[in-house]
Amino acid sequence: MAAAAFYTNHGSGIKKLNGCILNRDSVKRPSTVFFPQDAMQRSLCRFKKSQRCCNEMHTRELRSNQELPRHGILQKCRAEHTETSHEEQKEEDISRATLIWRAIKLPMYSVALIPLTVGTAAAYWQTGQFFARRYFMLLASSVLAIVWINLSNDVYDFDTGADKNKKESVVNIVGRIWITISDGVSFCSLKSHRELMLLLVFCGYIYQCPPYRLSYQGLGEPLVFVAFGPFITNAYYLLQRTTCELPITNTVISASILVGFTTSLILFCSHFHQIKDDKAVGKISPLVRLGTEAGAKVVKMAIVALYSLLFILGVVQILPLPCVFLCGLTLPVGNLVVSFVGDNHKDKTKIFMAKYYCVRLHTIFGIAVAAGLVAARMLARTQLPESIAPLKILDMIKQG
């Protein structure tokens, strides 16, 4: 009976379950309605959002690409500033004794010694005579003229501001009033051959003083070449005459050209460490126009041209063979000038010494020219009796 009740209840439960399922299926579900306009707005919003993201990413890439060169430029500027500060620190560490030695410019007085020595040697080569007293009087007058030129140059460069940062300037060390007094003393002391010395002073005046200021127009090197080469060297040569006139030969002119060449090279190399100050005051030196790298190439070409000209003058027998031989021995000094300028033209502290390397070349080369002329005369004197001896024998035969 219990089993019958179980089965009866179980059957009624299944019927209820089936009825619920049928009722659930018979309930109508609301259908979802889509509007095309809403769909387009959603798509447009998604597109704008994706485009905004792309633009933001592109902007970030551009900023990063722009920041890279800026970072490189910033690092370069910091390096240049550090290098400049290091150079300034080096300049500040220079002792006062070194500054005074640089201000005196003793090696620079070779520009008074070499033209006189070469001119005197040329006169000896021509006449076989040497006047020691005249030589030393002319040397003293030339040194005083160079003193006046150097001091005046410092004064006028200080007035224009070109030597404002030049610690070895005489004006910065002792003051302008003492320079003016020294100028007057030097000028009044020019007693020997005053006309020649006044012409030398005039060349120095138009080089640096207003209204000419040829050095500020980039014409200092040509002026120095002419003044200390053909002009002064030939003048010293002519002053060695006694009674007869001395002829101006191709040999004398060639020797004076070589002297002018090395003298102008000194002036050219003295501008390497002054480019910034010269440019600031409008002093357009050749190195302001060219820059240090091109200037180093010019120095190399000048040394090559100097020794090429020497070789050509020897081949065509304008210069005596001893001159060519002795000057050829100075080639290592010329190579030293080229290598030093080429290696240090960007270093403002080291390139300061370039002009002193050029002074060394100028002095050794000029002494070689003078010694070669003297040696050529002495060799000719030893060979002269051998050529005269046969003539004397013929005269004795004719008289006998």
Foldseek 3Di string as FASTA:
>chain_A
DVVVVVVVVVVVVVVVVVVVVVVVVVDDDDDDDDDVVVVVVVVVVVVVVVVVVVVVVVVVVVVVVVVVVVVVVVVVVVVVVVLVVVLVVVVVPDDPVVLQVVQVPVLLLVLLVLLLLLLQLLLCLQPVDHDPVLSVLSSLLSSLLVLLLSLVQLVLCVVLQLCVVPCSRPCNVPHDVVSVVSNVVSLVPNDPPNVLSVVLNVLSCLCCHPPRVVQLVQCNLVSQLVSSAQNSSNVSNQVPDDPDGDDDALLSNLLSNLLSLLSSLLVLLQCLLRLVSSVVSRRCHVCVVVPLQVSLVVLVVSLVVSLVSLVVCVVVVSAPPQLNVQLVVLNVLSVVLSVQSNVCSPPSNSSNCSSVSSSVNSNSNSVSSSVSSNVVSVVCVVCVVVVCVVVVVVVVVVVD
